[in-house]
């Protein structure tokens, strides 16, 4: 079995993992994260992370897609895994590019399809927060803040990265403020 090496394949313009024997290219592509802002009135469902990265910080029910599922199926699965919530999706809220991590995030508008929620295996706790009570200093990732703001602004269009971070390269500063 051959080891892959980094080189620029013929006809390409960037280094790729390539088999030196047969020329097979092992493409490395961004991962897709799916999630949702699950709202009820003026409150949103947040999950306190039980895993790294950002253990103990609050996030939306979201995570990586699995092979063989649609973005909608993935968002519903993540809500179940993290918040034991059965949700209905009401359309795409936002698509974010997080270039520094090689991620594309698809975030949906959602509501509870069935009553009830509780912490799943990846969450320490799950709670609904009114807008004024969201623990902004303890939000796990910049894109969670962006998605919550997009939901609040309800612009009627799909949100994208904010102008101050168009490529998703700025990590969340200490203390959670942007």
Protein backbone atom coordinates (compact mmCIF):
# COMPACT_ATOMS: atom_id res chain seq x y z
CA UNK A 1 0.00 0.00 0.00
CA UNK A 2 1.37 3.34 -1.05
CA UNK A 3 1.58 6.40 1.17
CA UNK A 4 -0.12 9.53 -0.09
CA UNK A 5 2.03 12.61 -0.67
CA UNK A 6 1.13 16.25 -1.07
CA UNK A 7 1.73 17.53 -4.57
CA UNK A 8 0.02 19.52 -7.29
CA UNK A 9 -1.57 17.02 -9.68
CA UNK A 10 -1.28 17.70 -13.39
CA UNK A 11 -3.97 20.15 -14.48
CA UNK A 12 -4.64 21.35 -10.92
CA UNK A 13 -3.57 24.52 -9.14
CA UNK A 14 -3.16 23.41 -5.53
CA UNK A 15 -1.52 20.70 -3.48
CA UNK A 16 -3.59 17.56 -2.96
CA UNK A 17 -3.02 14.24 -1.22
CA UNK A 18 -1.98 12.05 -4.14
CA UNK A 19 -0.91 8.43 -4.52
CA UNK A 20 2.59 8.52 -6.08
CA UNK A 21 2.04 5.09 -7.67
CA UNK A 22 -1.35 5.44 -9.39
CA UNK A 23 -2.03 9.20 -9.23
CA UNK A 24 -5.31 8.82 -7.26
CA UNK A 25 -6.23 12.11 -5.57
CA UNK A 26 -7.75 11.98 -2.06
CA UNK A 27 -9.68 15.25 -2.01
CA UNK A 28 -10.02 17.03 1.31
CA UNK A 29 -13.24 19.01 1.33
CA UNK A 30 -15.10 21.10 3.90
CA UNK A 31 -17.36 19.35 6.38
CA UNK A 32 -21.03 20.30 6.48
CA UNK A 33 -22.55 21.27 9.82
CA UNK A 34 -26.33 21.33 10.13
CA UNK A 35 -28.42 22.77 12.94
CA UNK A 36 -31.38 24.89 13.84
CA UNK A 37 -32.67 27.81 15.82
CA UNK A 38 -35.62 26.14 17.52
CA UNK A 39 -37.93 28.96 18.51
CA UNK A 40 -41.13 29.27 20.47
CA UNK A 41 -42.40 32.83 20.64
CA UNK A 42 -39.49 34.99 21.78
CA UNK A 43 -37.46 32.09 23.19
CA UNK A 44 -34.88 29.79 21.65
CA UNK A 45 -33.61 26.35 22.60
CA UNK A 46 -29.94 26.17 23.54
CA UNK A 47 -27.77 23.23 24.56
CA UNK A 48 -24.90 23.43 27.03
CA UNK A 49 -22.06 21.38 25.54
CA UNK A 50 -20.93 18.21 27.33
CA UNK A 51 -18.07 17.71 24.87
CA UNK A 52 -15.10 19.59 23.50
CA UNK A 53 -14.61 21.91 21.83
CA UNK A 54 -16.08 24.57 24.10
CA UNK A 55 -17.24 22.21 26.84
CA UNK A 56 -19.76 23.96 29.11
CA UNK A 57 -20.64 26.68 26.61
CA UNK A 58 -24.07 27.17 25.02
CA UNK A 59 -24.83 26.33 21.42
CA UNK A 60 -27.63 25.54 19.02
CA UNK A 61 -28.55 21.89 18.45
CA UNK A 62 -26.15 21.28 15.57
CA UNK A 63 -23.40 19.01 14.33
CA UNK A 64 -21.79 17.29 11.39
CA UNK A 65 -23.91 15.65 8.71
CA UNK A 66 -23.71 11.91 8.28
CA UNK A 67 -23.28 10.15 4.94
CA UNK A 68 -26.58 9.28 3.33
CA UNK A 69 -28.69 11.98 4.97
CA UNK A 70 -30.09 15.25 3.69
CA UNK A 71 -29.36 18.56 5.42
CA UNK A 72 -32.93 18.49 6.77
CA UNK A 73 -32.56 14.96 8.14
CA UNK A 74 -29.25 15.91 9.71
CA UNK A 75 -30.68 18.98 11.44
CA UNK A 76 -33.57 16.96 12.86
CA UNK A 77 -31.18 14.19 13.99
CA UNK A 78 -28.90 16.68 15.73
CA UNK A 79 -31.87 18.22 17.58
CA UNK A 80 -32.80 14.74 18.79
CA UNK A 81 -29.24 13.74 19.74
CA UNK A 82 -28.45 16.93 21.63
CA UNK A 83 -31.82 18.03 23.00
CA UNK A 84 -34.11 15.00 22.64
CA UNK A 85 -36.32 17.40 20.68
CA UNK A 86 -38.58 16.45 17.79
CA UNK A 87 -38.55 19.51 15.55
CA UNK A 88 -40.22 20.76 12.37
CA UNK A 89 -38.09 22.80 9.99
CA UNK A 90 -39.43 26.06 8.55
CA UNK A 91 -36.72 26.75 5.98
CA UNK A 92 -33.08 27.75 5.84
CA UNK A 93 -32.17 30.64 8.11
CA UNK A 94 -28.47 30.94 7.32
CA UNK A 95 -25.50 29.47 5.46
CA UNK A 96 -22.11 30.26 6.97
CA UNK A 97 -18.60 29.66 5.65
CA UNK A 98 -16.08 28.87 8.37
CA UNK A 99 -12.94 28.74 6.23
CA UNK A 100 -10.48 28.41 9.12
CA UNK A 101 -12.13 25.11 10.11
CA UNK A 102 -13.12 23.90 6.65
CA UNK A 103 -16.83 24.02 7.49
CA UNK A 104 -20.01 25.07 5.77
CA UNK A 105 -22.89 25.53 8.20
CA UNK A 106 -26.53 25.26 7.17
CA UNK A 107 -28.81 26.56 9.93
CA UNK A 108 -32.59 26.16 9.77
CA UNK A 109 -35.51 28.00 11.34
CA UNK A 110 -37.36 25.40 13.42
CA UNK A 111 -40.10 24.85 15.96
CA UNK A 112 -41.05 22.01 18.26
CA UNK A 113 -43.02 19.30 16.46
CA UNK A 114 -43.75 17.51 19.73
CA UNK A 115 -43.58 18.95 23.24
CA UNK A 116 -40.66 18.23 25.51
CA UNK A 117 -36.89 18.23 25.44
CA UNK A 118 -34.03 17.13 27.68
CA UNK A 119 -30.27 16.85 27.55
CA UNK A 120 -28.96 14.23 25.15
CA UNK A 121 -25.55 12.57 25.50
CA UNK A 122 -23.65 15.57 24.08
CA UNK A 123 -25.37 18.16 26.31
CA UNK A 124 -25.02 18.99 30.00
CA UNK A 125 -28.38 20.75 29.97
CA UNK A 126 -30.91 22.13 27.52
CA UNK A 127 -32.99 25.25 28.15
CA UNK A 128 -35.20 27.77 26.46
CA UNK A 129 -33.96 31.33 26.72
CA UNK A 130 -35.86 34.54 26.14
CA UNK A 131 -33.78 36.92 24.02
CA UNK A 132 -32.85 39.12 26.99
CA UNK A 133 -31.71 36.05 28.98
CA UNK A 134 -29.43 34.40 26.42
CA UNK A 135 -26.03 33.83 28.10
CA UNK A 136 -24.11 35.84 25.50
CA UNK A 137 -20.78 35.61 27.34
CA UNK A 138 -21.04 31.82 27.32
CA UNK A 139 -21.94 31.25 23.65
CA UNK A 140 -19.71 28.53 22.18
CA UNK A 141 -19.07 29.75 18.63
CA UNK A 142 -19.34 32.97 16.59
CA UNK A 143 -21.76 31.33 14.15
CA UNK A 144 -24.20 30.61 17.00
CA UNK A 145 -24.25 34.33 17.75
CA UNK A 146 -24.69 35.12 14.04
CA UNK A 147 -27.59 32.64 13.69
CA UNK A 148 -29.36 33.94 16.78
CA UNK A 149 -29.04 37.50 15.49
CA UNK A 150 -30.31 36.44 12.04
CA UNK A 151 -33.31 34.78 13.70
CA UNK A 152 -33.98 37.88 15.79
CA UNK A 153 -33.62 40.24 12.80
CA UNK A 154 -35.99 38.05 10.73
CA UNK A 155 -34.84 39.63 7.49
CA UNK A 156 -36.73 37.06 5.40
CA UNK A 157 -33.63 36.06 3.43
CA UNK A 158 -30.91 33.52 4.05
CA UNK A 159 -28.23 35.08 6.23
CA UNK A 160 -24.54 34.75 5.40
CA UNK A 161 -21.32 35.60 7.22
CA UNK A 162 -21.28 39.11 8.68
CA UNK A 163 -19.16 41.71 6.84
CA UNK A 164 -16.61 41.82 9.66
CA UNK A 165 -15.85 38.08 9.23
CA UNK A 166 -16.69 37.11 5.62
CA UNK A 167 -14.53 33.97 5.62
CA UNK A 168 -15.27 32.80 9.17
CA UNK A 169 -11.67 33.17 10.24
CA UNK A 170 -12.07 35.09 13.51
CA UNK A 171 -12.39 32.87 16.58
CA UNK A 172 -14.68 33.96 19.38
CA UNK A 173 -12.68 36.31 21.65
CA UNK A 174 -12.31 35.58 25.34
CA UNK A 175 -15.45 36.62 27.18
CA UNK A 176 -17.68 35.93 24.20
CA UNK A 177 -17.92 39.49 22.84
CA UNK A 178 -17.40 40.06 19.14
